[in-house]
Amino acid sequence: QVQLVESGGGLVQAGGSLRLSCAASGRTFSSYAMGWFRQAPGKEREFVAAISWSGGRTYYAHSVKGRFTISRDNAKNTVYLQMNSLKPEDTAVYYCAADNSDYGLMSALQYDYWGQGTQVTVSS
């Protein structure tokens, strides 16, 4: 019912910025909460940021708080992750996900749909 495609990843130097986009197709996009997760080689998938279906509430992992900003544009069926002050430890494949609920957004188990990911590499 919902398909997600991430874009905007790439190679940047430490301290630089990237903006990831997640384009959604399918019905009732505005009814879904959206989240960003990341997974580095040999590591488990971890929560990065989430935004409620209304856009009124946002959540961030402690490791990115103050550096990353999640936003959504329901008219464009798109969610964004603005990443500033990037660090080498931010290197990972970043995934967007959609959840037809407004709670438990920091848990990957709550999400019903996933994109295929976009690679972010931060050089030191």
PDB file of N, CA and C in Angstrom:
ATOM      1  N   GLN A   1       0.807  -1.197   0.000  1.00  0.00           N
ATOM      2  CA  GLN A   1       0.000   0.000   0.000  1.00  0.00           C
ATOM      3  C   GLN A   1       0.850   1.262   0.000  1.00  0.00           C
ATOM      4  N   VAL A   2       2.058   1.199   0.557  1.00  0.00           N
ATOM      5  CA  VAL A   2       2.976   2.326   0.587  1.00  0.00           C
ATOM      6  C   VAL A   2       4.342   1.857   0.104  1.00  0.00           C
ATOM      7  N   GLN A   3       4.896   2.564  -0.868  1.00  0.00           N
ATOM      8  CA  GLN A   3       6.241   2.302  -1.347  1.00  0.00           C
ATOM      9  C   GLN A   3       7.115   3.515  -1.052  1.00  0.00           C
ATOM     10  N   LEU A   4       8.329   3.263  -0.586  1.00  0.00           N
ATOM     11  CA  LEU A   4       9.235   4.315  -0.156  1.00  0.00           C
ATOM     12  C   LEU A   4      10.551   4.211  -0.909  1.00  0.00           C
ATOM     13  N   VAL A   5      11.053   5.344  -1.385  1.00  0.00           N
ATOM     14  CA  VAL A   5      12.321   5.397  -2.101  1.00  0.00           C
ATOM     15  C   VAL A   5      13.163   6.523  -1.534  1.00  0.00           C
ATOM     16  N   GLU A   6      14.330   6.172  -0.974  1.00  0.00           N
ATOM     17  CA  GLU A   6      15.235   7.160  -0.403  1.00  0.00           C
ATOM     18  C   GLU A   6      16.183   7.699  -1.471  1.00  0.00           C
ATOM     19  N   SER A   7      16.634   8.927  -1.273  1.00  0.00           N
ATOM     20  CA  SER A   7      17.636   9.531  -2.138  1.00  0.00           C
ATOM     21  C   SER A   7      18.380  10.605  -1.355  1.00  0.00           C
ATOM     22  N   GLY A   8      19.490  11.072  -1.911  1.00  0.00           N
ATOM     23  CA  GLY A   8      20.241  12.158  -1.307  1.00  0.00           C
ATOM     24  C   GLY A   8      21.506  11.744  -0.592  1.00  0.00           C
ATOM     25  N   GLY A   9      21.758  10.454  -0.486  1.00  0.00           N
ATOM     26  CA  GLY A   9      22.979  10.003   0.153  1.00  0.00           C
ATOM     27  C   GLY A   9      24.195  10.299  -0.702  1.00  0.00           C
ATOM     28  N   GLY A  10      25.364  10.138  -0.105  1.00  0.00           N
ATOM     29  CA  GLY A  10      26.598  10.392  -0.821  1.00  0.00           C
ATOM     30  C   GLY A  10      27.783  10.442   0.108  1.00  0.00           C
ATOM     31  N   LEU A  11      28.884  10.953  -0.405  1.00  0.00           N
ATOM     32  CA  LEU A  11      30.136  11.070   0.332  1.00  0.00           C
ATOM     33  C   LEU A  11      30.390  12.526   0.678  1.00  0.00           C
ATOM     34  N   VAL A  12      30.588  12.800   1.951  1.00  0.00           N
ATOM     35  CA  VAL A  12      30.883  14.153   2.413  1.00  0.00           C
ATOM     36  C   VAL A  12      31.994  14.113   3.444  1.00  0.00           C
ATOM     37  N   GLN A  13      32.651  15.249   3.635  1.00  0.00           N
ATOM     38  CA  GLN A  13      33.673  15.361   4.665  1.00  0.00           C
ATOM     39  C   GLN A  13      33.035  15.642   6.017  1.00  0.00           C
ATOM     40  N   ALA A  14      33.734  15.273   7.065  1.00  0.00           N
ATOM     41  CA  ALA A  14      33.252  15.561   8.410  1.00  0.00           C
ATOM     42  C   ALA A  14      32.960  17.051   8.555  1.00  0.00           C
ATOM     43  N   GLY A  15      31.836  17.358   9.186  1.00  0.00           N
ATOM     44  CA  GLY A  15      31.406  18.731   9.344  1.00  0.00           C
ATOM     45  C   GLY A  15      30.476  19.212   8.254  1.00  0.00           C
ATOM     46  N   GLY A  16      30.341  18.430   7.202  1.00  0.00           N
ATOM     47  CA  GLY A  16      29.481  18.796   6.096  1.00  0.00           C
ATOM     48  C   GLY A  16      28.028  18.448   6.342  1.00  0.00           C
ATOM     49  N   SER A  17      27.210  18.661   5.313  1.00  0.00           N
ATOM     50  CA  SER A  17      25.771  18.455   5.423  1.00  0.00           C
ATOM     51  C   SER A  17      25.237  17.662   4.248  1.00  0.00           C
ATOM     52  N   LEU A  18      24.158  16.953   4.483  1.00  0.00           N
ATOM     53  CA  LEU A  18      23.395  16.261   3.461  1.00  0.00           C
ATOM     54  C   LEU A  18      21.920  16.361   3.814  1.00  0.00           C
ATOM     55  N   ARG A  19      21.074  16.333   2.800  1.00  0.00           N
ATOM     56  CA  ARG A  19      19.644  16.237   3.024  1.00  0.00           C
ATOM     57  C   ARG A  19      19.118  15.000   2.320  1.00  0.00           C
ATOM     58  N   LEU A  20      18.593  14.076   3.103  1.00  0.00           N
ATOM     59  CA  LEU A  20      17.989  12.874   2.569  1.00  0.00           C
ATOM     60  C   LEU A  20      16.513  13.111   2.305  1.00  0.00           C
ATOM     61  N   SER A  21      16.013  12.504   1.242  1.00  0.00           N
ATOM     62  CA  SER A  21      14.604  12.575   0.909  1.00  0.00           C
ATOM     63  C   SER A  21      14.039  11.172   0.820  1.00  0.00           C
ATOM     64  N   CYS A  22      12.788  11.039   1.176  1.00  0.00           N
ATOM     65  CA  CYS A  22      12.079   9.779   1.064  1.00  0.00           C
ATOM     66  C   CYS A  22      10.756  10.052   0.379  1.00  0.00           C
ATOM     67  N   ALA A  23      10.640   9.603  -0.853  1.00  0.00           N
ATOM     68  CA  ALA A  23       9.427   9.805  -1.630  1.00  0.00           C
ATOM     69  C   ALA A  23       8.502   8.611  -1.443  1.00  0.00           C
ATOM     70  N   ALA A  24       7.265   8.890  -1.118  1.00  0.00           N
ATOM     71  CA  ALA A  24       6.286   7.849  -0.860  1.00  0.00           C
ATOM     72  C   ALA A  24       5.219   7.833  -1.943  1.00  0.00           C
ATOM     73  N   SER A  25       4.799   6.644  -2.290  1.00  0.00           N
ATOM     74  CA  SER A  25       3.674   6.469  -3.197  1.00  0.00           C
ATOM     75  C   SER A  25       2.659   5.551  -2.543  1.00  0.00           C
ATOM     76  N   GLY A  26       1.408   5.749  -2.895  1.00  0.00           N
ATOM     77  CA  GLY A  26       0.355   4.984  -2.275  1.00  0.00           C
ATOM     78  C   GLY A  26      -0.664   5.912  -1.634  1.00  0.00           C
ATOM     79  N   ARG A  27      -1.693   5.345  -1.142  1.00  0.00           N
ATOM     80  CA  ARG A  27      -2.766   6.153  -0.584  1.00  0.00           C
ATOM     81  C   ARG A  27      -2.497   6.566   0.857  1.00  0.00           C
ATOM     82  N   THR A  28      -3.119   7.628   1.240  1.00  0.00           N
ATOM     83  CA  THR A  28      -3.134   8.155   2.609  1.00  0.00           C
ATOM     84  C   THR A  28      -1.755   8.304   3.230  1.00  0.00           C
ATOM     85  N   PHE A  29      -0.813   8.895   2.475  1.00  0.00           N
ATOM     86  CA  PHE A  29       0.511   9.152   3.015  1.00  0.00           C
ATOM     87  C   PHE A  29       0.446  10.003   4.273  1.00  0.00           C
ATOM     88  N   SER A  30      -0.426  10.999   4.267  1.00  0.00           N
ATOM     89  CA  SER A  30      -0.505  11.908   5.403  1.00  0.00           C
ATOM     90  C   SER A  30      -1.001  11.239   6.668  1.00  0.00           C
ATOM     91  N   SER A  31      -1.529  10.040   6.569  1.00  0.00           N
ATOM     92  CA  SER A  31      -2.006   9.306   7.738  1.00  0.00           C
ATOM     93  C   SER A  31      -0.914   8.491   8.413  1.00  0.00           C
ATOM     94  N   TYR A  32       0.282   8.479   7.836  1.00  0.00           N
ATOM     95  CA  TYR A  32       1.378   7.665   8.352  1.00  0.00           C
ATOM     96  C   TYR A  32       2.413   8.516   9.072  1.00  0.00           C
ATOM     97  N   ALA A  33       2.830   8.025  10.229  1.00  0.00           N
ATOM     98  CA  ALA A  33       4.036   8.552  10.846  1.00  0.00           C
ATOM     99  C   ALA A  33       5.240   8.043  10.067  1.00  0.00           C
ATOM    100  N   MET A  34       6.309   8.820  10.053  1.00  0.00           N
ATOM    101  CA  MET A  34       7.484   8.463   9.277  1.00  0.00           C
ATOM    102  C   MET A  34       8.723   8.471  10.159  1.00  0.00           C
ATOM    103  N   GLY A  35       9.620   7.548   9.885  1.00  0.00           N
ATOM    104  CA  GLY A  35      10.844   7.462  10.656  1.00  0.00           C
ATOM    105  C   GLY A  35      12.057   7.244   9.780  1.00  0.00           C
ATOM    106  N   TRP A  36      13.204   7.589  10.327  1.00  0.00           N
ATOM    107  CA  TRP A  36      14.493   7.311   9.702  1.00  0.00           C
ATOM    108  C   TRP A  36      15.298   6.404  10.628  1.00  0.00           C
ATOM    109  N   PHE A  37      15.887   5.371  10.052  1.00  0.00           N
ATOM    110  CA  PHE A  37      16.765   4.453  10.757  1.00  0.00           C
ATOM    111  C   PHE A  37      18.059   4.322   9.968  1.00  0.00           C
ATOM    112  N   ARG A  38      19.090   3.814  10.617  1.00  0.00           N
ATOM    113  CA  ARG A  38      20.353   3.610   9.921  1.00  0.00           C
ATOM    114  C   ARG A  38      21.009   2.323  10.395  1.00  0.00           C
ATOM    115  N   GLN A  39      21.840   1.769   9.530  1.00  0.00           N
ATOM    116  CA  GLN A  39      22.539   0.544   9.855  1.00  0.00           C
ATOM    117  C   GLN A  39      23.939   0.588   9.270  1.00  0.00           C
ATOM    118  N   ALA A  40      24.926   0.482  10.139  1.00  0.00           N
ATOM    119  CA  ALA A  40      26.319   0.424   9.736  1.00  0.00           C
ATOM    120  C   ALA A  40      26.752  -1.033   9.640  1.00  0.00           C
ATOM    121  N   PRO A  41      27.797  -1.327   8.859  1.00  0.00           N
ATOM    122  CA  PRO A  41      28.263  -2.712   8.738  1.00  0.00           C
ATOM    123  C   PRO A  41      28.572  -3.330  10.093  1.00  0.00           C
ATOM    124  N   GLY A  42      28.041  -4.515  10.326  1.00  0.00           N
ATOM    125  CA  GLY A  42      28.268  -5.215  11.576  1.00  0.00           C
ATOM    126  C   GLY A  42      27.471  -4.701  12.750  1.00  0.00           C
ATOM    127  N   LYS A  43      26.609  -3.708  12.531  1.00  0.00           N
ATOM    128  CA  LYS A  43      25.812  -3.130  13.600  1.00  0.00           C
ATOM    129  C   LYS A  43      24.330  -3.402  13.379  1.00  0.00           C
ATOM    130  N   GLU A  44      23.570  -3.332  14.449  1.00  0.00           N
ATOM    131  CA  GLU A  44      22.124  -3.461  14.351  1.00  0.00           C
ATOM    132  C   GLU A  44      21.514  -2.165  13.848  1.00  0.00           C
ATOM    133  N   ARG A  45      20.360  -2.283  13.242  1.00  0.00           N
ATOM    134  CA  ARG A  45      19.616  -1.116  12.801  1.00  0.00           C
ATOM    135  C   ARG A  45      19.237  -0.265  14.006  1.00  0.00           C
ATOM    136  N   GLU A  46      19.452   1.040  13.912  1.00  0.00           N
ATOM    137  CA  GLU A  46      19.169   1.920  15.028  1.00  0.00           C
ATOM    138  C   GLU A  46      18.277   3.082  14.609  1.00  0.00           C
ATOM    139  N   PHE A  47      17.502   3.541  15.562  1.00  0.00           N
ATOM    140  CA  PHE A  47      16.602   4.667  15.355  1.00  0.00           C
ATOM    141  C   PHE A  47      17.388   5.956  15.201  1.00  0.00           C
ATOM    142  N   VAL A  48      16.936   6.814  14.286  1.00  0.00           N
ATOM    143  CA  VAL A  48      17.554   8.112  14.073  1.00  0.00           C
ATOM    144  C   VAL A  48      16.582   9.243  14.395  1.00  0.00           C
ATOM    145  N   ALA A  49      15.423   9.245  13.742  1.00  0.00           N
ATOM    146  CA  ALA A  49      14.452  10.319  13.925  1.00  0.00           C
ATOM    147  C   ALA A  49      13.085   9.854  13.465  1.00  0.00           C
ATOM    148  N   ALA A  50      12.044  10.502  13.972  1.00  0.00           N
ATOM    149  CA  ALA A  50      10.685  10.181  13.564  1.00  0.00           C
ATOM    150  C   ALA A  50       9.825  11.428  13.651  1.00  0.00           C
ATOM    151  N   ILE A  51       8.734  11.429  12.897  1.00  0.00           N
ATOM    152  CA  ILE A  51       7.796  12.544  12.893  1.00  0.00           C
ATOM    153  C   ILE A  51       6.386  11.989  12.833  1.00  0.00           C
ATOM    154  N   SER A  52       5.489  12.582  13.620  1.00  0.00           N
ATOM    155  CA  SER A  52       4.119  12.113  13.679  1.00  0.00           C
ATOM    156  C   SER A  52       3.387  12.398  12.373  1.00  0.00           C
ATOM    157  N   TRP A  53       2.231  11.763  12.210  1.00  0.00           N
ATOM    158  CA  TRP A  53       1.467  11.932  10.970  1.00  0.00           C
ATOM    159  C   TRP A  53       1.063  13.368  10.735  1.00  0.00           C
ATOM    160  N   SER A  54       0.840  14.126  11.810  1.00  0.00           N
ATOM    161  CA  SER A  54       0.448  15.523  11.692  1.00  0.00           C
ATOM    162  C   SER A  54       1.645  16.457  11.573  1.00  0.00           C
ATOM    163  N   GLY A  55       2.833  15.955  11.842  1.00  0.00           N
ATOM    164  CA  GLY A  55       4.023  16.784  11.846  1.00  0.00           C
ATOM    165  C   GLY A  55       4.220  17.573  13.125  1.00  0.00           C
ATOM    166  N   GLY A  56       3.329  17.381  14.088  1.00  0.00           N
ATOM    167  CA  GLY A  56       3.379  18.162  15.305  1.00  0.00           C
ATOM    168  C   GLY A  56       4.378  17.677  16.340  1.00  0.00           C
ATOM    169  N   ARG A  57       4.831  16.459  16.216  1.00  0.00           N
ATOM    170  CA  ARG A  57       5.780  15.895  17.167  1.00  0.00           C
ATOM    171  C   ARG A  57       6.945  15.267  16.419  1.00  0.00           C
ATOM    172  N   THR A  58       8.140  15.493  16.926  1.00  0.00           N
ATOM    173  CA  THR A  58       9.338  14.889  16.367  1.00  0.00           C
ATOM    174  C   THR A  58      10.143  14.226  17.471  1.00  0.00           C
ATOM    175  N   TYR A  59      10.920  13.234  17.097  1.00  0.00           N
ATOM    176  CA  TYR A  59      11.726  12.471  18.038  1.00  0.00           C
ATOM    177  C   TYR A  59      13.100  12.234  17.418  1.00  0.00           C
ATOM    178  N   TYR A  60      14.137  12.259  18.255  1.00  0.00           N
ATOM    179  CA  TYR A  60      15.500  12.087  17.773  1.00  0.00           C
ATOM    180  C   TYR A  60      16.295  11.192  18.703  1.00  0.00           C
ATOM    181  N   ALA A  61      17.181  10.420  18.108  1.00  0.00           N
ATOM    182  CA  ALA A  61      18.158   9.701  18.905  1.00  0.00           C
ATOM    183  C   ALA A  61      19.107  10.704  19.551  1.00  0.00           C
ATOM    184  N   HIS A  62      19.596  10.371  20.732  1.00  0.00           N
ATOM    185  CA  HIS A  62      20.494  11.271  21.441  1.00  0.00           C
ATOM    186  C   HIS A  62      21.732  11.597  20.615  1.00  0.00           C
ATOM    187  N   SER A  63      22.196  10.638  19.827  1.00  0.00           N
ATOM    188  CA  SER A  63      23.423  10.811  19.070  1.00  0.00           C
ATOM    189  C   SER A  63      23.307  11.846  17.948  1.00  0.00           C
ATOM    190  N   VAL A  64      22.084  12.163  17.524  1.00  0.00           N
ATOM    191  CA  VAL A  64      21.903  13.103  16.418  1.00  0.00           C
ATOM    192  C   VAL A  64      21.152  14.359  16.822  1.00  0.00           C
ATOM    193  N   LYS A  65      20.643  14.406  18.027  1.00  0.00           N
ATOM    194  CA  LYS A  65      19.843  15.546  18.469  1.00  0.00           C
ATOM    195  C   LYS A  65      20.667  16.829  18.409  1.00  0.00           C
ATOM    196  N   GLY A  66      20.081  17.851  17.812  1.00  0.00           N
ATOM    197  CA  GLY A  66      20.767  19.114  17.631  1.00  0.00           C
ATOM    198  C   GLY A  66      21.517  19.220  16.322  1.00  0.00           C
ATOM    199  N   ARG A  67      21.726  18.097  15.644  1.00  0.00           N
ATOM    200  CA  ARG A  67      22.426  18.089  14.363  1.00  0.00           C
ATOM    201  C   ARG A  67      21.507  17.735  13.196  1.00  0.00           C
ATOM    202  N   PHE A  68      20.553  16.839  13.434  1.00  0.00           N
ATOM    203  CA  PHE A  68      19.641  16.374  12.391  1.00  0.00           C
ATOM    204  C   PHE A  68      18.256  16.961  12.615  1.00  0.00           C
ATOM    205  N   THR A  69      17.532  17.183  11.527  1.00  0.00           N
ATOM    206  CA  THR A  69      16.165  17.670  11.587  1.00  0.00           C
ATOM    207  C   THR A  69      15.296  16.872  10.631  1.00  0.00           C
ATOM    208  N   ILE A  70      14.211  16.321  11.145  1.00  0.00           N
ATOM    209  CA  ILE A  70      13.259  15.604  10.314  1.00  0.00           C
ATOM    210  C   ILE A  70      12.074  16.520  10.012  1.00  0.00           C
ATOM    211  N   SER A  71      11.567  16.437   8.800  1.00  0.00           N
ATOM    212  CA  SER A  71      10.406  17.229   8.408  1.00  0.00           C
ATOM    213  C   SER A  71       9.631  16.466   7.345  1.00  0.00           C
ATOM    214  N   ARG A  72       8.423  16.908   7.081  1.00  0.00           N
ATOM    215  CA  ARG A  72       7.627  16.265   6.044  1.00  0.00           C
ATOM    216  C   ARG A  72       6.820  17.292   5.282  1.00  0.00           C
ATOM    217  N   ASP A  73       6.552  16.979   4.031  1.00  0.00           N
ATOM    218  CA  ASP A  73       5.723  17.793   3.171  1.00  0.00           C
ATOM    219  C   ASP A  73       4.676  16.852   2.595  1.00  0.00           C
ATOM    220  N   ASN A  74       3.520  16.826   3.214  1.00  0.00           N
ATOM    221  CA  ASN A  74       2.486  15.881   2.801  1.00  0.00           C
ATOM    222  C   ASN A  74       1.975  16.159   1.392  1.00  0.00           C
ATOM    223  N   ALA A  75       2.007  17.420   0.975  1.00  0.00           N
ATOM    224  CA  ALA A  75       1.574  17.761  -0.377  1.00  0.00           C
ATOM    225  C   ALA A  75       2.478  17.132  -1.422  1.00  0.00           C
ATOM    226  N   LYS A  76       3.742  16.899  -1.068  1.00  0.00           N
ATOM    227  CA  LYS A  76       4.704  16.283  -1.972  1.00  0.00           C
ATOM    228  C   LYS A  76       4.949  14.814  -1.663  1.00  0.00           C
ATOM    229  N   ASN A  77       4.247  14.284  -0.673  1.00  0.00           N
ATOM    230  CA  ASN A  77       4.419  12.889  -0.257  1.00  0.00           C
ATOM    231  C   ASN A  77       5.884  12.572   0.038  1.00  0.00           C
ATOM    232  N   THR A  78       6.531  13.463   0.761  1.00  0.00           N
ATOM    233  CA  THR A  78       7.965  13.348   0.983  1.00  0.00           C
ATOM    234  C   THR A  78       8.321  13.665   2.430  1.00  0.00           C
ATOM    235  N   VAL A  79       9.253  12.900   2.975  1.00  0.00           N
ATOM    236  CA  VAL A  79       9.824  13.183   4.282  1.00  0.00           C
ATOM    237  C   VAL A  79      11.314  13.438   4.088  1.00  0.00           C
ATOM    238  N   TYR A  80      11.871  14.342   4.891  1.00  0.00           N
ATOM    239  CA  TYR A  80      13.258  14.751   4.744  1.00  0.00           C
ATOM    240  C   TYR A  80      14.030  14.517   6.033  1.00  0.00           C
ATOM    241  N   LEU A  81      15.322  14.340   5.878  1.00  0.00           N
ATOM    242  CA  LEU A  81      16.226  14.319   7.015  1.00  0.00           C
ATOM    243  C   LEU A  81      17.395  15.238   6.681  1.00  0.00           C
ATOM    244  N   GLN A  82      17.401  16.416   7.286  1.00  0.00           N
ATOM    245  CA  GLN A  82      18.506  17.345   7.121  1.00  0.00           C
ATOM    246  C   GLN A  82      19.592  16.980   8.120  1.00  0.00           C
ATOM    247  N   MET A  83      20.777  16.682   7.629  1.00  0.00           N
ATOM    248  CA  MET A  83      21.883  16.242   8.463  1.00  0.00           C
ATOM    249  C   MET A  83      23.003  17.268   8.389  1.00  0.00           C
ATOM    250  N   ASN A  84      23.295  17.899   9.512  1.00  0.00           N
ATOM    251  CA  ASN A  84      24.360  18.887   9.608  1.00  0.00           C
ATOM    252  C   ASN A  84      25.446  18.394  10.550  1.00  0.00           C
ATOM    253  N   SER A  85      26.605  19.024  10.472  1.00  0.00           N
ATOM    254  CA  SER A  85      27.730  18.680  11.340  1.00  0.00           C
ATOM    255  C   SER A  85      27.991  17.185  11.350  1.00  0.00           C
ATOM    256  N   LEU A  86      28.049  16.600  10.183  1.00  0.00           N
ATOM    257  CA  LEU A  86      28.191  15.154  10.064  1.00  0.00           C
ATOM    258  C   LEU A  86      29.524  14.671  10.615  1.00  0.00           C
ATOM    259  N   LYS A  87      29.477  13.494  11.210  1.00  0.00           N
ATOM    260  CA  LYS A  87      30.637  12.858  11.810  1.00  0.00           C
ATOM    261  C   LYS A  87      30.883  11.515  11.136  1.00  0.00           C
ATOM    262  N   PRO A  88      32.125  11.027  11.158  1.00  0.00           N
ATOM    263  CA  PRO A  88      32.389   9.710  10.566  1.00  0.00           C
ATOM    264  C   PRO A  88      31.495   8.609  11.130  1.00  0.00           C
ATOM    265  N   GLU A  89      31.121   8.698  12.385  1.00  0.00           N
ATOM    266  CA  GLU A  89      30.260   7.691  12.989  1.00  0.00           C
ATOM    267  C   GLU A  89      28.825   7.736  12.481  1.00  0.00           C
ATOM    268  N   ASP A  90      28.482   8.738  11.673  1.00  0.00           N
ATOM    269  CA  ASP A  90      27.178   8.782  11.021  1.00  0.00           C
ATOM    270  C   ASP A  90      27.139   7.921   9.764  1.00  0.00           C
ATOM    271  N   THR A  91      28.275   7.404   9.347  1.00  0.00           N
ATOM    272  CA  THR A  91      28.342   6.573   8.153  1.00  0.00           C
ATOM    273  C   THR A  91      27.476   5.331   8.317  1.00  0.00           C
ATOM    274  N   ALA A  92      26.554   5.138   7.382  1.00  0.00           N
ATOM    275  CA  ALA A  92      25.621   4.015   7.451  1.00  0.00           C
ATOM    276  C   ALA A  92      24.717   4.053   6.234  1.00  0.00           C
ATOM    277  N   VAL A  93      23.952   2.993   6.063  1.00  0.00           N
ATOM    278  CA  VAL A  93      22.844   3.006   5.128  1.00  0.00           C
ATOM    279  C   VAL A  93      21.629   3.540   5.879  1.00  0.00           C
ATOM    280  N   TYR A  94      20.996   4.543   5.322  1.00  0.00           N
ATOM    281  CA  TYR A  94      19.852   5.174   5.955  1.00  0.00           C
ATOM    282  C   TYR A  94      18.562   4.711   5.296  1.00  0.00           C
ATOM    283  N   TYR A  95      17.601   4.313   6.119  1.00  0.00           N
ATOM    284  CA  TYR A  95      16.318   3.809   5.656  1.00  0.00           C
ATOM    285  C   TYR A  95      15.186   4.692   6.166  1.00  0.00           C
ATOM    286  N   CYS A  96      14.204   4.920   5.335  1.00  0.00           N
ATOM    287  CA  CYS A  96      12.980   5.543   5.815  1.00  0.00           C
ATOM    288  C   CYS A  96      11.915   4.474   5.974  1.00  0.00           C
ATOM    289  N   ALA A  97      10.965   4.744   6.839  1.00  0.00           N
ATOM    290  CA  ALA A  97       9.926   3.778   7.150  1.00  0.00           C
ATOM    291  C   ALA A  97       8.622   4.503   7.452  1.00  0.00           C
ATOM    292  N   ALA A  98       7.514   3.802   7.235  1.00  0.00           N
ATOM    293  CA  ALA A  98       6.189   4.355   7.467  1.00  0.00           C
ATOM    294  C   ALA A  98       5.423   3.482   8.445  1.00  0.00           C
ATOM    295  N   ASP A  99       4.681   4.126   9.331  1.00  0.00           N
ATOM    296  CA  ASP A  99       3.924   3.441  10.370  1.00  0.00           C
ATOM    297  C   ASP A  99       2.534   4.044  10.463  1.00  0.00           C
ATOM    298  N   ASN A 100       1.528   3.207  10.410  1.00  0.00           N
ATOM    299  CA  ASN A 100       0.150   3.673  10.520  1.00  0.00           C
ATOM    300  C   ASN A 100      -0.265   3.781  11.981  1.00  0.00           C
ATOM    301  N   SER A 101       0.494   4.578  12.728  1.00  0.00           N
ATOM    302  CA  SER A 101       0.203   4.843  14.131  1.00  0.00           C
ATOM    303  C   SER A 101       0.962   6.089  14.541  1.00  0.00           C
ATOM    304  N   ASP A 102       0.710   6.557  15.741  1.00  0.00           N
ATOM    305  CA  ASP A 102       1.374   7.753  16.246  1.00  0.00           C
ATOM    306  C   ASP A 102       2.074   7.501  17.571  1.00  0.00           C
ATOM    307  N   TYR A 103       2.433   6.247  17.831  1.00  0.00           N
ATOM    308  CA  TYR A 103       3.135   5.927  19.053  1.00  0.00           C
ATOM    309  C   TYR A 103       4.125   4.799  18.802  1.00  0.00           C
ATOM    310  N   GLY A 104       5.071   4.661  19.696  1.00  0.00           N
ATOM    311  CA  GLY A 104       6.119   3.664  19.543  1.00  0.00           C
ATOM    312  C   GLY A 104       7.018   3.929  18.357  1.00  0.00           C
ATOM    313  N   LEU A 105       7.187   5.202  17.989  1.00  0.00           N
ATOM    314  CA  LEU A 105       7.877   5.551  16.756  1.00  0.00           C
ATOM    315  C   LEU A 105       9.387   5.372  16.814  1.00  0.00           C
ATOM    316  N   MET A 106       9.938   5.131  17.978  1.00  0.00           N
ATOM    317  CA  MET A 106      11.369   4.900  18.093  1.00  0.00           C
ATOM    318  C   MET A 106      11.743   3.435  17.934  1.00  0.00           C
ATOM    319  N   SER A 107      10.754   2.580  17.771  1.00  0.00           N
ATOM    320  CA  SER A 107      10.979   1.147  17.619  1.00  0.00           C
ATOM    321  C   SER A 107      10.750   0.720  16.180  1.00  0.00           C
ATOM    322  N   ALA A 108      11.730   0.048  15.594  1.00  0.00           N
ATOM    323  CA  ALA A 108      11.601  -0.433  14.225  1.00  0.00           C
ATOM    324  C   ALA A 108      10.460  -1.423  14.075  1.00  0.00           C
ATOM    325  N   LEU A 109      10.119  -2.118  15.159  1.00  0.00           N
ATOM    326  CA  LEU A 109       9.056  -3.110  15.105  1.00  0.00           C
ATOM    327  C   LEU A 109       7.689  -2.496  14.843  1.00  0.00           C
ATOM    328  N   GLN A 110       7.541  -1.208  15.051  1.00  0.00           N
ATOM    329  CA  GLN A 110       6.265  -0.535  14.854  1.00  0.00           C
ATOM    330  C   GLN A 110       5.985  -0.198  13.391  1.00  0.00           C
ATOM    331  N   TYR A 111       7.005  -0.246  12.549  1.00  0.00           N
ATOM    332  CA  TYR A 111       6.869   0.231  11.174  1.00  0.00           C
ATOM    333  C   TYR A 111       6.458  -0.876  10.215  1.00  0.00           C
ATOM    334  N   ASP A 112       5.587  -0.515   9.289  1.00  0.00           N
ATOM    335  CA  ASP A 112       5.003  -1.477   8.363  1.00  0.00           C
ATOM    336  C   ASP A 112       5.676  -1.491   6.998  1.00  0.00           C
ATOM    337  N   TYR A 113       6.250  -0.368   6.576  1.00  0.00           N
ATOM    338  CA  TYR A 113       6.835  -0.249   5.253  1.00  0.00           C
ATOM    339  C   TYR A 113       8.224   0.347   5.338  1.00  0.00           C
ATOM    340  N   TRP A 114       9.114  -0.145   4.467  1.00  0.00           N
ATOM    341  CA  TRP A 114      10.511   0.267   4.477  1.00  0.00           C
ATOM    342  C   TRP A 114      11.009   0.535   3.067  1.00  0.00           C
ATOM    343  N   GLY A 115      11.881   1.544   2.945  1.00  0.00           N
ATOM    344  CA  GLY A 115      12.590   1.759   1.699  1.00  0.00           C
ATOM    345  C   GLY A 115      13.802   0.858   1.621  1.00  0.00           C
ATOM    346  N   GLN A 116      14.531   0.941   0.511  1.00  0.00           N
ATOM    347  CA  GLN A 116      15.699   0.090   0.296  1.00  0.00           C
ATOM    348  C   GLN A 116      16.996   0.714   0.778  1.00  0.00           C
ATOM    349  N   GLY A 117      16.957   1.958   1.194  1.00  0.00           N
ATOM    350  CA  GLY A 117      18.107   2.587   1.815  1.00  0.00           C
ATOM    351  C   GLY A 117      18.949   3.422   0.873  1.00  0.00           C
ATOM    352  N   THR A 118      19.682   4.366   1.447  1.00  0.00           N
ATOM    353  CA  THR A 118      20.636   5.183   0.714  1.00  0.00           C
ATOM    354  C   THR A 118      21.905   5.308   1.548  1.00  0.00           C
ATOM    355  N   GLN A 119      23.057   5.163   0.901  1.00  0.00           N
ATOM    356  CA  GLN A 119      24.330   5.146   1.602  1.00  0.00           C
ATOM    357  C   GLN A 119      24.794   6.557   1.927  1.00  0.00           C
ATOM    358  N   VAL A 120      25.190   6.761   3.173  1.00  0.00           N
ATOM    359  CA  VAL A 120      25.818   8.002   3.616  1.00  0.00           C
ATOM    360  C   VAL A 120      27.204   7.662   4.138  1.00  0.00           C
ATOM    361  N   THR A 121      28.220   8.286   3.573  1.00  0.00           N
ATOM    362  CA  THR A 121      29.595   8.060   3.996  1.00  0.00           C
ATOM    363  C   THR A 121      30.224   9.390   4.367  1.00  0.00           C
ATOM    364  N   VAL A 122      30.762   9.468   5.571  1.00  0.00           N
ATOM    365  CA  VAL A 122      31.384  10.694   6.071  1.00  0.00           C
ATOM    366  C   VAL A 122      32.859  10.418   6.290  1.00  0.00           C
ATOM    367  N   SER A 123      33.707  11.121   5.576  1.00  0.00           N
ATOM    368  CA  SER A 123      35.143  10.930   5.684  1.00  0.00           C
ATOM    369  C   SER A 123      35.717  11.844   6.759  1.00  0.00           C
ATOM    370  N   SER A 124      36.788  11.388   7.393  1.00  0.00           N
ATOM    371  CA  SER A 124      37.429  12.151   8.452  1.00  0.00           C
ATOM    372  C   SER A 124      38.471  13.096   7.899  1.00  0.00           C
TER     373      SER A 124
END
